[in-house]
Amino acid sequence: MDREQEEMQFLGFFGIYVESYKIIIAWRKIFSQISLALILPLSFIFLAHMEVSALLFSKIHHHEYQLRGTPDGTQKHDKLSDLVSSEMAILWLFRLAYFTCFLILSLLSTAAVVYTIASIYTARPVTFRKVMSVVPKVWKRLMVTFLCTFVTYFLYNAVAVLLIILWAFTVGDTDAAAAVLIIIFILYAIGFIYLTIIWQLASVVSVLEDSYGFKAMIKSKNLIKGKMWIAIVIFFKLNFAMVAIQILFEILVVHGGESVSVAGRVGFGILCLLLLLKLFLFGLVIQTVIYFVCKSYHHENIDKSTLSDHLEVYLGEYVPLKAKDVQLEQVHV
């Protein structure tokens, strides 16, 4: 990061993209190693989940179709019923295993990228071995933040369900029912995106500051003020690119069938894997750059020496920083 901290606040959409690209190119060796060790497996299981889920769904639908045409009480009906139940159980167990692996790799990747960029910012020597030794300790803080975010999402969705129930019992049969329901869904989507952006920035805060869990979320909420529209636009662009890769993978690989040769499906699968890998890496770097942009926008100085000391703590047994040691101090201008 060759920009002064005071200049970061003036970065717009393209400025953030360019700064992120420069960081990746300048330190491509370490980011390539992180990508191969963490982000590549993350991308692989993301795409593999789509392929395996499609195969399991296909089997379930086929056996359910046979079950509907089989008379009740027959031995064949009982066997098909047991088979469908076992396949549904396998599907849910697979989804649980996928979610667990995806979450772990996602948090580990976040920890590795954020720590690396912070080390670059403080001019600390950074190697792949050092990053991998630090990642498990940073991951613990990220997990606490994720669990707090999960609780927030759960409560948010619970309120949304209550609103839908209230809608059904009050205006569900009126002429304005459809309009009210659309408004509820729009407000729900806005809140969901807002929470997601807060969580992403809170993940960076959890690594670089003496805050994690709900404290990191509150800090993130305060930081994002004034830069929310930039964060929202970047969020939509990155997610649009991810959806595009998913659609490409589903059309050409998952549902390619006879229209695409085996070699073609393998080639398109590798292409989607590489695109997703680059997108995940780029998104994590952007996430960290946005943190520095927000800090600069609010005139909060990041003392490099104290931040360096904070990063140094991860190399030994982690000890929470005291309030006086926090590296972030307000600069009045």
C-alpha atoms as a PDB file:
ATOM      1  CA  MET A   1       0.000   0.000   0.000  1.00  0.00           C
ATOM      2  CA  ASP A   2       1.850   2.991  -1.313  1.00  0.00           C
ATOM      3  CA  ARG A   3      -0.782   5.618  -0.446  1.00  0.00           C
ATOM      4  CA  GLU A   4      -0.689   7.755   2.661  1.00  0.00           C
ATOM      5  CA  GLN A   5      -3.505   7.063   5.083  1.00  0.00           C
ATOM      6  CA  GLU A   6      -4.966  10.558   4.678  1.00  0.00           C
ATOM      7  CA  GLU A   7      -5.338   9.954   0.927  1.00  0.00           C
ATOM      8  CA  MET A   8      -7.326   6.743   1.353  1.00  0.00           C
ATOM      9  CA  GLN A   9     -10.550   8.596   2.175  1.00  0.00           C
ATOM     10  CA  PHE A  10     -10.711   9.996  -1.360  1.00  0.00           C
ATOM     11  CA  LEU A  11     -10.757   6.594  -3.033  1.00  0.00           C
ATOM     12  CA  GLY A  12     -13.978   5.874  -4.931  1.00  0.00           C
ATOM     13  CA  PHE A  13     -15.189   2.698  -6.616  1.00  0.00           C
ATOM     14  CA  PHE A  14     -12.437   2.460  -9.197  1.00  0.00           C
ATOM     15  CA  GLY A  15      -9.810   3.754  -6.780  1.00  0.00           C
ATOM     16  CA  ILE A  16     -10.558   0.899  -4.384  1.00  0.00           C
ATOM     17  CA  TYR A  17     -10.392  -1.598  -7.243  1.00  0.00           C
ATOM     18  CA  VAL A  18      -7.088  -0.209  -8.473  1.00  0.00           C
ATOM     19  CA  GLU A  19      -5.564  -0.136  -4.984  1.00  0.00           C
ATOM     20  CA  SER A  20      -6.644  -3.736  -4.373  1.00  0.00           C
ATOM     21  CA  TYR A  21      -5.237  -4.837  -7.726  1.00  0.00           C
ATOM     22  CA  LYS A  22      -1.920  -3.102  -6.995  1.00  0.00           C
ATOM     23  CA  ILE A  23      -1.632  -4.869  -3.639  1.00  0.00           C
ATOM     24  CA  ILE A  24      -2.243  -8.276  -5.203  1.00  0.00           C
ATOM     25  CA  ILE A  25       0.224  -7.682  -8.050  1.00  0.00           C
ATOM     26  CA  ALA A  26       2.951  -6.215  -5.827  1.00  0.00           C
ATOM     27  CA  TRP A  27       2.718  -9.161  -3.415  1.00  0.00           C
ATOM     28  CA  ARG A  28       1.561 -11.810  -5.868  1.00  0.00           C
ATOM     29  CA  LYS A  29       3.849 -14.507  -4.457  1.00  0.00           C
ATOM     30  CA  ILE A  30       2.380 -14.491  -0.951  1.00  0.00           C
ATOM     31  CA  PHE A  31      -1.179 -14.094  -2.265  1.00  0.00           C
ATOM     32  CA  SER A  32      -0.638 -16.954  -4.722  1.00  0.00           C
ATOM     33  CA  GLN A  33       0.464 -19.165  -1.838  1.00  0.00           C
ATOM     34  CA  ILE A  34      -2.551 -18.161   0.255  1.00  0.00           C
ATOM     35  CA  SER A  35      -4.822 -18.784  -2.734  1.00  0.00           C
ATOM     36  CA  LEU A  36      -3.455 -22.271  -3.352  1.00  0.00           C
ATOM     37  CA  ALA A  37      -3.563 -23.243   0.329  1.00  0.00           C
ATOM     38  CA  LEU A  38      -6.936 -21.777   1.352  1.00  0.00           C
ATOM     39  CA  ILE A  39      -8.911 -20.046  -1.383  1.00  0.00           C
ATOM     40  CA  LEU A  40      -8.542 -22.808  -3.981  1.00  0.00           C
ATOM     41  CA  PRO A  41     -10.079 -25.451  -1.649  1.00  0.00           C
ATOM     42  CA  LEU A  42     -12.770 -22.897  -0.737  1.00  0.00           C
ATOM     43  CA  SER A  43     -13.629 -22.353  -4.400  1.00  0.00           C
ATOM     44  CA  PHE A  44     -13.513 -26.078  -5.142  1.00  0.00           C
ATOM     45  CA  ILE A  45     -15.951 -27.114  -2.430  1.00  0.00           C
ATOM     46  CA  PHE A  46     -18.272 -24.239  -3.440  1.00  0.00           C
ATOM     47  CA  LEU A  47     -18.537 -25.581  -6.994  1.00  0.00           C
ATOM     48  CA  ALA A  48     -18.418 -29.248  -5.941  1.00  0.00           C
ATOM     49  CA  HIS A  49     -21.378 -28.562  -3.646  1.00  0.00           C
ATOM     50  CA  MET A  50     -23.434 -27.462  -6.648  1.00  0.00           C
ATOM     51  CA  GLU A  51     -22.518 -30.586  -8.649  1.00  0.00           C
ATOM     52  CA  VAL A  52     -23.119 -33.069  -5.819  1.00  0.00           C
ATOM     53  CA  SER A  53     -26.370 -31.382  -4.735  1.00  0.00           C
ATOM     54  CA  ALA A  54     -27.690 -31.594  -8.307  1.00  0.00           C
ATOM     55  CA  LEU A  55     -26.880 -35.315  -8.462  1.00  0.00           C
ATOM     56  CA  LEU A  56     -28.549 -36.008  -5.103  1.00  0.00           C
ATOM     57  CA  PHE A  57     -31.632 -33.969  -6.042  1.00  0.00           C
ATOM     58  CA  SER A  58     -31.872 -35.837  -9.342  1.00  0.00           C
ATOM     59  CA  LYS A  59     -31.876 -39.209  -7.562  1.00  0.00           C
ATOM     60  CA  ILE A  60     -34.423 -38.044  -4.989  1.00  0.00           C
ATOM     61  CA  HIS A  61     -36.803 -36.685  -7.645  1.00  0.00           C
ATOM     62  CA  HIS A  62     -36.470 -39.886  -9.674  1.00  0.00           C
ATOM     63  CA  HIS A  63     -37.305 -42.125  -6.704  1.00  0.00           C
ATOM     64  CA  GLU A  64     -40.127 -39.810  -5.591  1.00  0.00           C
ATOM     65  CA  TYR A  65     -41.609 -40.095  -9.091  1.00  0.00           C
ATOM     66  CA  GLN A  66     -41.423 -43.895  -8.849  1.00  0.00           C
ATOM     67  CA  LEU A  67     -42.927 -43.740  -5.365  1.00  0.00           C
ATOM     68  CA  ARG A  68     -45.995 -41.811  -6.600  1.00  0.00           C
ATOM     69  CA  GLY A  69     -46.688 -44.528  -9.145  1.00  0.00           C
ATOM     70  CA  THR A  70     -46.354 -47.390  -6.659  1.00  0.00           C
ATOM     71  CA  PRO A  71     -49.398 -48.626  -4.675  1.00  0.00           C
ATOM     72  CA  ASP A  72     -49.303 -48.005  -0.926  1.00  0.00           C
ATOM     73  CA  GLY A  73     -48.612 -50.929   1.357  1.00  0.00           C
ATOM     74  CA  THR A  74     -46.523 -52.875  -1.156  1.00  0.00           C
ATOM     75  CA  GLN A  75     -42.972 -53.998  -0.492  1.00  0.00           C
ATOM     76  CA  LYS A  76     -41.694 -51.882  -3.372  1.00  0.00           C
ATOM     77  CA  HIS A  77     -43.428 -48.793  -1.971  1.00  0.00           C
ATOM     78  CA  ASP A  78     -41.839 -49.327   1.452  1.00  0.00           C
ATOM     79  CA  LYS A  79     -38.375 -49.781  -0.078  1.00  0.00           C
ATOM     80  CA  LEU A  80     -38.717 -46.657  -2.205  1.00  0.00           C
ATOM     81  CA  SER A  81     -39.993 -44.694   0.796  1.00  0.00           C
ATOM     82  CA  ASP A  82     -37.003 -45.786   2.907  1.00  0.00           C
ATOM     83  CA  LEU A  83     -34.662 -44.990  -0.002  1.00  0.00           C
ATOM     84  CA  VAL A  84     -36.050 -41.470  -0.415  1.00  0.00           C
ATOM     85  CA  SER A  85     -35.772 -40.865   3.351  1.00  0.00           C
ATOM     86  CA  SER A  86     -32.156 -42.065   3.449  1.00  0.00           C
ATOM     87  CA  GLU A  87     -31.248 -39.945   0.411  1.00  0.00           C
ATOM     88  CA  MET A  88     -32.820 -36.872   2.016  1.00  0.00           C
ATOM     89  CA  ALA A  89     -30.800 -37.548   5.165  1.00  0.00           C
ATOM     90  CA  ILE A  90     -27.629 -37.869   3.078  1.00  0.00           C
ATOM     91  CA  LEU A  91     -28.437 -34.582   1.332  1.00  0.00           C
ATOM     92  CA  TRP A  92     -28.855 -32.695   4.609  1.00  0.00           C
ATOM     93  CA  LEU A  93     -25.725 -34.252   6.106  1.00  0.00           C
ATOM     94  CA  PHE A  94     -23.815 -33.281   2.984  1.00  0.00           C
ATOM     95  CA  ARG A  95     -25.108 -29.716   3.219  1.00  0.00           C
ATOM     96  CA  LEU A  96     -24.101 -29.541   6.869  1.00  0.00           C
ATOM     97  CA  ALA A  97     -20.601 -30.821   6.077  1.00  0.00           C
ATOM     98  CA  TYR A  98     -20.355 -28.367   3.161  1.00  0.00           C
ATOM     99  CA  PHE A  99     -21.441 -25.400   5.250  1.00  0.00           C
ATOM    100  CA  THR A 100     -18.983 -26.313   8.021  1.00  0.00           C
ATOM    101  CA  CYS A 101     -16.017 -26.689   5.628  1.00  0.00           C
ATOM    102  CA  PHE A 102     -16.979 -23.558   3.691  1.00  0.00           C
ATOM    103  CA  LEU A 103     -17.254 -21.503   6.879  1.00  0.00           C
ATOM    104  CA  ILE A 104     -13.905 -22.705   8.235  1.00  0.00           C
ATOM    105  CA  LEU A 105     -12.044 -22.084   4.973  1.00  0.00           C
ATOM    106  CA  SER A 106     -13.771 -18.734   4.498  1.00  0.00           C
ATOM    107  CA  LEU A 107     -12.730 -17.485   7.938  1.00  0.00           C
ATOM    108  CA  LEU A 108      -9.198 -18.856   7.517  1.00  0.00           C
ATOM    109  CA  SER A 109      -8.897 -17.117   4.140  1.00  0.00           C
ATOM    110  CA  THR A 110     -10.156 -13.863   5.635  1.00  0.00           C
ATOM    111  CA  ALA A 111      -7.674 -14.106   8.504  1.00  0.00           C
ATOM    112  CA  ALA A 112      -4.773 -14.807   6.128  1.00  0.00           C
ATOM    113  CA  VAL A 113      -5.539 -11.986   3.690  1.00  0.00           C
ATOM    114  CA  VAL A 114      -6.294  -9.328   6.324  1.00  0.00           C
ATOM    115  CA  TYR A 115      -3.200 -10.208   8.368  1.00  0.00           C
ATOM    116  CA  THR A 116      -1.028 -10.139   5.234  1.00  0.00           C
ATOM    117  CA  ILE A 117      -2.281  -6.719   4.135  1.00  0.00           C
ATOM    118  CA  ALA A 118      -1.838  -5.328   7.661  1.00  0.00           C
ATOM    119  CA  SER A 119       1.732  -6.652   7.687  1.00  0.00           C
ATOM    120  CA  ILE A 120       2.357  -4.993   4.319  1.00  0.00           C
ATOM    121  CA  TYR A 121       0.892  -1.735   5.645  1.00  0.00           C
ATOM    122  CA  THR A 122       3.205  -1.759   8.677  1.00  0.00           C
ATOM    123  CA  ALA A 123       6.222  -2.829   6.576  1.00  0.00           C
ATOM    124  CA  ARG A 124       6.601  -6.006   8.601  1.00  0.00           C
ATOM    125  CA  PRO A 125       8.380  -8.959   6.982  1.00  0.00           C
ATOM    126  CA  VAL A 126       5.678 -11.395   5.944  1.00  0.00           C
ATOM    127  CA  THR A 127       6.118 -14.971   4.759  1.00  0.00           C
ATOM    128  CA  PHE A 128       3.636 -17.703   3.951  1.00  0.00           C
ATOM    129  CA  ARG A 129       4.822 -19.798   6.900  1.00  0.00           C
ATOM    130  CA  LYS A 130       4.331 -16.882   9.298  1.00  0.00           C
ATOM    131  CA  VAL A 131       0.853 -16.191   7.929  1.00  0.00           C
ATOM    132  CA  MET A 132      -0.196 -19.831   8.303  1.00  0.00           C
ATOM    133  CA  SER A 133       1.095 -19.919  11.885  1.00  0.00           C
ATOM    134  CA  VAL A 134      -0.936 -16.825  12.774  1.00  0.00           C
ATOM    135  CA  VAL A 135      -4.168 -17.756  10.962  1.00  0.00           C
ATOM    136  CA  PRO A 136      -5.499 -20.291  13.536  1.00  0.00           C
ATOM    137  CA  LYS A 137      -5.206 -17.703  16.332  1.00  0.00           C
ATOM    138  CA  VAL A 138      -6.887 -14.956  14.317  1.00  0.00           C
ATOM    139  CA  TRP A 139      -9.563 -17.454  13.251  1.00  0.00           C
ATOM    140  CA  LYS A 140     -10.805 -17.778  16.842  1.00  0.00           C
ATOM    141  CA  ARG A 141     -11.679 -14.078  16.957  1.00  0.00           C
ATOM    142  CA  LEU A 142     -13.354 -14.267  13.558  1.00  0.00           C
ATOM    143  CA  MET A 143     -15.442 -17.212  14.682  1.00  0.00           C
ATOM    144  CA  VAL A 144     -16.747 -15.272  17.688  1.00  0.00           C
ATOM    145  CA  THR A 145     -17.685 -12.394  15.377  1.00  0.00           C
ATOM    146  CA  PHE A 146     -19.412 -14.816  13.003  1.00  0.00           C
ATOM    147  CA  LEU A 147     -21.413 -16.403  15.844  1.00  0.00           C
ATOM    148  CA  CYS A 148     -22.545 -12.969  17.007  1.00  0.00           C
ATOM    149  CA  THR A 149     -23.510 -12.112  13.426  1.00  0.00           C
ATOM    150  CA  PHE A 150     -25.376 -15.433  13.154  1.00  0.00           C
ATOM    151  CA  VAL A 151     -27.391 -14.562  16.264  1.00  0.00           C
ATOM    152  CA  THR A 152     -28.182 -11.161  14.747  1.00  0.00           C
ATOM    153  CA  TYR A 153     -29.287 -12.759  11.469  1.00  0.00           C
ATOM    154  CA  PHE A 154     -31.456 -15.239  13.402  1.00  0.00           C
ATOM    155  CA  LEU A 155     -33.205 -12.479  15.345  1.00  0.00           C
ATOM    156  CA  TYR A 156     -33.584 -10.407  12.167  1.00  0.00           C
ATOM    157  CA  ASN A 157     -35.226 -13.310  10.323  1.00  0.00           C
ATOM    158  CA  ALA A 158     -37.430 -14.059  13.330  1.00  0.00           C
ATOM    159  CA  VAL A 159     -38.740 -10.487  13.239  1.00  0.00           C
ATOM    160  CA  ALA A 160     -39.283 -10.802   9.469  1.00  0.00           C
ATOM    161  CA  VAL A 161     -41.325 -13.987   9.966  1.00  0.00           C
ATOM    162  CA  LEU A 162     -43.415 -12.275  12.638  1.00  0.00           C
ATOM    163  CA  LEU A 163     -44.089  -9.406  10.228  1.00  0.00           C
ATOM    164  CA  ILE A 164     -45.202 -11.866   7.540  1.00  0.00           C
ATOM    165  CA  ILE A 165     -47.543 -13.552  10.032  1.00  0.00           C
ATOM    166  CA  LEU A 166     -48.871 -10.155  11.106  1.00  0.00           C
ATOM    167  CA  TRP A 167     -49.366  -9.257   7.428  1.00  0.00           C
ATOM    168  CA  ALA A 168     -51.316 -12.466   6.829  1.00  0.00           C
ATOM    169  CA  PHE A 169     -53.699 -11.835   9.750  1.00  0.00           C
ATOM    170  CA  THR A 170     -54.225  -8.100   9.087  1.00  0.00           C
ATOM    171  CA  VAL A 171     -54.019  -7.098   5.425  1.00  0.00           C
ATOM    172  CA  GLY A 172     -53.603 -10.511   3.812  1.00  0.00           C
ATOM    173  CA  ASP A 173     -57.100 -10.446   2.278  1.00  0.00           C
ATOM    174  CA  THR A 174     -57.219  -6.762   1.299  1.00  0.00           C
ATOM    175  CA  ASP A 175     -56.439  -5.051  -1.996  1.00  0.00           C
ATOM    176  CA  ALA A 176     -53.268  -3.555  -0.559  1.00  0.00           C
ATOM    177  CA  ALA A 177     -51.891  -6.960   0.533  1.00  0.00           C
ATOM    178  CA  ALA A 178     -49.548  -7.408  -2.439  1.00  0.00           C
ATOM    179  CA  ALA A 179     -48.133  -3.893  -2.167  1.00  0.00           C
ATOM    180  CA  VAL A 180     -47.521  -4.244   1.573  1.00  0.00           C
ATOM    181  CA  LEU A 181     -45.820  -7.621   1.042  1.00  0.00           C
ATOM    182  CA  ILE A 182     -43.523  -6.151  -1.618  1.00  0.00           C
ATOM    183  CA  ILE A 183     -42.568  -3.312   0.731  1.00  0.00           C
ATOM    184  CA  ILE A 184     -41.787  -5.839   3.496  1.00  0.00           C
ATOM    185  CA  PHE A 185     -39.547  -7.853   1.172  1.00  0.00           C
ATOM    186  CA  ILE A 186     -37.737  -4.718  -0.067  1.00  0.00           C
ATOM    187  CA  LEU A 187     -37.082  -3.572   3.493  1.00  0.00           C
ATOM    188  CA  TYR A 188     -35.963  -7.097   4.411  1.00  0.00           C
ATOM    189  CA  ALA A 189     -33.509  -7.200   1.488  1.00  0.00           C
ATOM    190  CA  ILE A 190     -32.083  -3.782   2.409  1.00  0.00           C
ATOM    191  CA  GLY A 191     -31.577  -4.865   6.020  1.00  0.00           C
ATOM    192  CA  PHE A 192     -30.017  -8.175   4.968  1.00  0.00           C
ATOM    193  CA  ILE A 193     -27.501  -6.445   2.700  1.00  0.00           C
ATOM    194  CA  TYR A 194     -26.714  -3.920   5.434  1.00  0.00           C
ATOM    195  CA  LEU A 195     -26.033  -6.699   7.955  1.00  0.00           C
ATOM    196  CA  THR A 196     -23.829  -8.531   5.459  1.00  0.00           C
ATOM    197  CA  ILE A 197     -21.710  -5.436   4.832  1.00  0.00           C
ATOM    198  CA  ILE A 198     -21.433  -4.842   8.590  1.00  0.00           C
ATOM    199  CA  TRP A 199     -20.283  -8.441   9.075  1.00  0.00           C
ATOM    200  CA  GLN A 200     -17.654  -8.218   6.317  1.00  0.00           C
ATOM    201  CA  LEU A 201     -16.140  -5.062   7.777  1.00  0.00           C
ATOM    202  CA  ALA A 202     -16.430  -6.459  11.314  1.00  0.00           C
ATOM    203  CA  SER A 203     -14.263  -9.387  10.204  1.00  0.00           C
ATOM    204  CA  VAL A 204     -11.450  -6.966   9.359  1.00  0.00           C
ATOM    205  CA  VAL A 205     -11.977  -5.103  12.634  1.00  0.00           C
ATOM    206  CA  SER A 206     -11.708  -8.402  14.525  1.00  0.00           C
ATOM    207  CA  VAL A 207      -8.233  -8.966  13.120  1.00  0.00           C
ATOM    208  CA  LEU A 208      -6.794  -5.454  13.319  1.00  0.00           C
ATOM    209  CA  GLU A 209      -8.353  -4.069  16.484  1.00  0.00           C
ATOM    210  CA  ASP A 210      -9.041  -5.062  20.059  1.00  0.00           C
ATOM    211  CA  SER A 211     -12.680  -5.683  19.206  1.00  0.00           C
ATOM    212  CA  TYR A 212     -14.506  -8.795  18.127  1.00  0.00           C
ATOM    213  CA  GLY A 213     -17.992 -10.190  18.401  1.00  0.00           C
ATOM    214  CA  PHE A 214     -20.725  -7.606  18.963  1.00  0.00           C
ATOM    215  CA  LYS A 215     -18.117  -4.906  19.706  1.00  0.00           C
ATOM    216  CA  ALA A 216     -16.606  -5.405  16.245  1.00  0.00           C
ATOM    217  CA  MET A 217     -20.070  -5.177  14.666  1.00  0.00           C
ATOM    218  CA  ILE A 218     -20.780  -1.893  16.466  1.00  0.00           C
ATOM    219  CA  LYS A 219     -17.371  -0.563  15.411  1.00  0.00           C
ATOM    220  CA  SER A 220     -18.070  -1.660  11.850  1.00  0.00           C
ATOM    221  CA  LYS A 221     -21.474   0.058  11.861  1.00  0.00           C
ATOM    222  CA  ASN A 222     -19.856   3.328  12.907  1.00  0.00           C
ATOM    223  CA  LEU A 223     -17.003   3.018  10.417  1.00  0.00           C
ATOM    224  CA  ILE A 224     -19.180   2.373   7.380  1.00  0.00           C
ATOM    225  CA  LYS A 225     -21.091   5.644   7.835  1.00  0.00           C
ATOM    226  CA  GLY A 226     -20.333   7.966   4.947  1.00  0.00           C
ATOM    227  CA  LYS A 227     -19.053   5.133   2.745  1.00  0.00           C
ATOM    228  CA  MET A 228     -22.178   2.968   2.752  1.00  0.00           C
ATOM    229  CA  TRP A 229     -23.098   3.593  -0.893  1.00  0.00           C
ATOM    230  CA  ILE A 230     -19.612   2.664  -2.065  1.00  0.00           C
ATOM    231  CA  ALA A 231     -19.770  -0.528  -0.001  1.00  0.00           C
ATOM    232  CA  ILE A 232     -23.240  -1.371  -1.353  1.00  0.00           C
ATOM    233  CA  VAL A 233     -22.257  -0.879  -4.999  1.00  0.00           C
ATOM    234  CA  ILE A 234     -19.104  -2.974  -4.551  1.00  0.00           C
ATOM    235  CA  PHE A 235     -21.177  -5.618  -2.739  1.00  0.00           C
ATOM    236  CA  PHE A 236     -23.594  -5.852  -5.671  1.00  0.00           C
ATOM    237  CA  LYS A 237     -20.808  -5.955  -8.250  1.00  0.00           C
ATOM    238  CA  LEU A 238     -18.933  -8.756  -6.490  1.00  0.00           C
ATOM    239  CA  ASN A 239     -22.103 -10.772  -5.889  1.00  0.00           C
ATOM    240  CA  PHE A 240     -23.250 -10.224  -9.476  1.00  0.00           C
ATOM    241  CA  ALA A 241     -19.929 -11.658 -10.658  1.00  0.00           C
ATOM    242  CA  MET A 242     -20.338 -14.637  -8.311  1.00  0.00           C
ATOM    243  CA  VAL A 243     -23.880 -15.318  -9.548  1.00  0.00           C
ATOM    244  CA  ALA A 244     -22.637 -15.103 -13.141  1.00  0.00           C
ATOM    245  CA  ILE A 245     -19.969 -17.733 -12.398  1.00  0.00           C
ATOM    246  CA  GLN A 246     -22.576 -19.944 -10.698  1.00  0.00           C
ATOM    247  CA  ILE A 247     -24.927 -19.706 -13.687  1.00  0.00           C
ATOM    248  CA  LEU A 248     -22.081 -20.453 -16.090  1.00  0.00           C
ATOM    249  CA  PHE A 249     -21.080 -23.496 -14.032  1.00  0.00           C
ATOM    250  CA  GLU A 250     -24.656 -24.792 -13.769  1.00  0.00           C
ATOM    251  CA  ILE A 251     -25.373 -24.405 -17.502  1.00  0.00           C
ATOM    252  CA  LEU A 252     -22.105 -25.763 -18.880  1.00  0.00           C
ATOM    253  CA  VAL A 253     -21.010 -28.229 -16.187  1.00  0.00           C
ATOM    254  CA  VAL A 254     -23.839 -29.304 -13.874  1.00  0.00           C
ATOM    255  CA  HIS A 255     -26.589 -29.427 -16.524  1.00  0.00           C
ATOM    256  CA  GLY A 256     -24.356 -29.668 -19.565  1.00  0.00           C
ATOM    257  CA  GLY A 257     -25.560 -33.163 -20.369  1.00  0.00           C
ATOM    258  CA  GLU A 258     -25.054 -34.346 -23.926  1.00  0.00           C
ATOM    259  CA  SER A 259     -24.794 -30.797 -25.276  1.00  0.00           C
ATOM    260  CA  VAL A 260     -21.294 -30.421 -23.798  1.00  0.00           C
ATOM    261  CA  SER A 261     -18.560 -33.046 -24.106  1.00  0.00           C
ATOM    262  CA  VAL A 262     -16.815 -34.462 -21.055  1.00  0.00           C
ATOM    263  CA  ALA A 263     -13.629 -32.609 -21.964  1.00  0.00           C
ATOM    264  CA  GLY A 264     -15.641 -29.426 -22.413  1.00  0.00           C
ATOM    265  CA  ARG A 265     -17.321 -29.807 -19.033  1.00  0.00           C
ATOM    266  CA  VAL A 266     -13.935 -30.367 -17.372  1.00  0.00           C
ATOM    267  CA  GLY A 267     -12.484 -27.330 -19.144  1.00  0.00           C
ATOM    268  CA  PHE A 268     -15.400 -25.082 -18.206  1.00  0.00           C
ATOM    269  CA  GLY A 269     -15.237 -26.415 -14.633  1.00  0.00           C
ATOM    270  CA  ILE A 270     -11.566 -25.462 -14.339  1.00  0.00           C
ATOM    271  CA  LEU A 271     -12.328 -22.042 -15.850  1.00  0.00           C
ATOM    272  CA  CYS A 272     -15.107 -21.396 -13.318  1.00  0.00           C
ATOM    273  CA  LEU A 273     -12.824 -22.596 -10.514  1.00  0.00           C
ATOM    274  CA  LEU A 274     -10.077 -20.133 -11.483  1.00  0.00           C
ATOM    275  CA  LEU A 275     -12.555 -17.266 -11.926  1.00  0.00           C
ATOM    276  CA  LEU A 276     -14.084 -17.956  -8.520  1.00  0.00           C
ATOM    277  CA  LEU A 277     -10.642 -18.171  -6.892  1.00  0.00           C
ATOM    278  CA  LYS A 278      -9.670 -14.758  -8.277  1.00  0.00           C
ATOM    279  CA  LEU A 279     -13.039 -13.299  -7.267  1.00  0.00           C
ATOM    280  CA  PHE A 280     -12.751 -14.561  -3.668  1.00  0.00           C
ATOM    281  CA  LEU A 281      -9.204 -13.211  -3.341  1.00  0.00           C
ATOM    282  CA  PHE A 282     -10.110  -9.867  -4.907  1.00  0.00           C
ATOM    283  CA  GLY A 283     -13.170  -9.574  -2.641  1.00  0.00           C
ATOM    284  CA  LEU A 284     -11.148 -10.196   0.530  1.00  0.00           C
ATOM    285  CA  VAL A 285      -8.517  -7.631  -0.456  1.00  0.00           C
ATOM    286  CA  ILE A 286     -11.231  -5.079  -1.311  1.00  0.00           C
ATOM    287  CA  GLN A 287     -12.878  -5.782   2.047  1.00  0.00           C
ATOM    288  CA  THR A 288      -9.633  -4.844   3.816  1.00  0.00           C
ATOM    289  CA  VAL A 289      -9.002  -1.777   1.647  1.00  0.00           C
ATOM    290  CA  ILE A 290     -12.517  -0.510   2.444  1.00  0.00           C
ATOM    291  CA  TYR A 291     -11.588  -0.721   6.136  1.00  0.00           C
ATOM    292  CA  PHE A 292      -8.604   1.593   5.596  1.00  0.00           C
ATOM    293  CA  VAL A 293     -10.755   3.917   3.462  1.00  0.00           C
ATOM    294  CA  CYS A 294     -13.357   4.149   6.234  1.00  0.00           C
ATOM    295  CA  LYS A 295     -10.683   4.767   8.870  1.00  0.00           C
ATOM    296  CA  SER A 296      -9.234   7.572   6.772  1.00  0.00           C
ATOM    297  CA  TYR A 297     -12.678   9.041   6.074  1.00  0.00           C
ATOM    298  CA  HIS A 298     -13.377   9.311   9.818  1.00  0.00           C
ATOM    299  CA  HIS A 299      -9.873  10.754  10.428  1.00  0.00           C
ATOM    300  CA  GLU A 300      -8.913   7.866  12.693  1.00  0.00           C
ATOM    301  CA  ASN A 301      -5.180   7.473  12.609  1.00  0.00           C
ATOM    302  CA  ILE A 302      -3.746   3.961  12.491  1.00  0.00           C
ATOM    303  CA  ASP A 303      -0.440   4.036  14.314  1.00  0.00           C
ATOM    304  CA  LYS A 304       1.789   1.646  12.388  1.00  0.00           C
ATOM    305  CA  SER A 305       4.082   0.830  15.293  1.00  0.00           C
ATOM    306  CA  THR A 306       1.207  -0.051  17.620  1.00  0.00           C
ATOM    307  CA  LEU A 307      -0.559  -2.012  14.901  1.00  0.00           C
ATOM    308  CA  SER A 308       2.711  -3.835  14.325  1.00  0.00           C
ATOM    309  CA  ASP A 309       2.838  -4.689  18.046  1.00  0.00           C
ATOM    310  CA  HIS A 310      -0.752  -5.913  17.811  1.00  0.00           C
ATOM    311  CA  LEU A 311       0.170  -8.211  14.908  1.00  0.00           C
ATOM    312  CA  GLU A 312       3.235  -9.392  16.805  1.00  0.00           C
ATOM    313  CA  VAL A 313       0.994 -10.693  19.594  1.00  0.00           C
ATOM    314  CA  TYR A 314      -0.491 -13.239  17.176  1.00  0.00           C
ATOM    315  CA  LEU A 315       2.910 -14.854  16.772  1.00  0.00           C
ATOM    316  CA  GLY A 316       2.868 -15.917  20.425  1.00  0.00           C
ATOM    317  CA  GLU A 317       0.119 -16.929  22.780  1.00  0.00           C
ATOM    318  CA  TYR A 318      -2.693 -14.446  22.143  1.00  0.00           C
ATOM    319  CA  VAL A 319      -3.282 -11.975  24.951  1.00  0.00           C
ATOM    320  CA  PRO A 320      -6.078  -9.393  24.488  1.00  0.00           C
ATOM    321  CA  LEU A 321      -4.818  -5.848  24.225  1.00  0.00           C
ATOM    322  CA  LYS A 322      -5.513  -3.407  26.987  1.00  0.00           C
ATOM    323  CA  ALA A 323      -7.552  -0.324  26.239  1.00  0.00           C
ATOM    324  CA  LYS A 324      -4.494   1.910  26.352  1.00  0.00           C
ATOM    325  CA  ASP A 325      -2.764  -0.307  23.801  1.00  0.00           C
ATOM    326  CA  VAL A 326      -5.410  -0.083  21.118  1.00  0.00           C
ATOM    327  CA  GLN A 327      -3.763   1.144  17.941  1.00  0.00           C
ATOM    328  CA  LEU A 328      -6.609   3.363  16.744  1.00  0.00           C
ATOM    329  CA  GLU A 329      -6.763   6.925  17.913  1.00  0.00           C
ATOM    330  CA  GLN A 330      -8.928   9.828  16.784  1.00  0.00           C
ATOM    331  CA  VAL A 331      -7.234  12.608  14.869  1.00  0.00           C
ATOM    332  CA  HIS A 332      -9.122  15.889  14.991  1.00  0.00           C
ATOM    333  CA  VAL A 333      -8.868  17.998  11.878  1.00  0.00           C
END
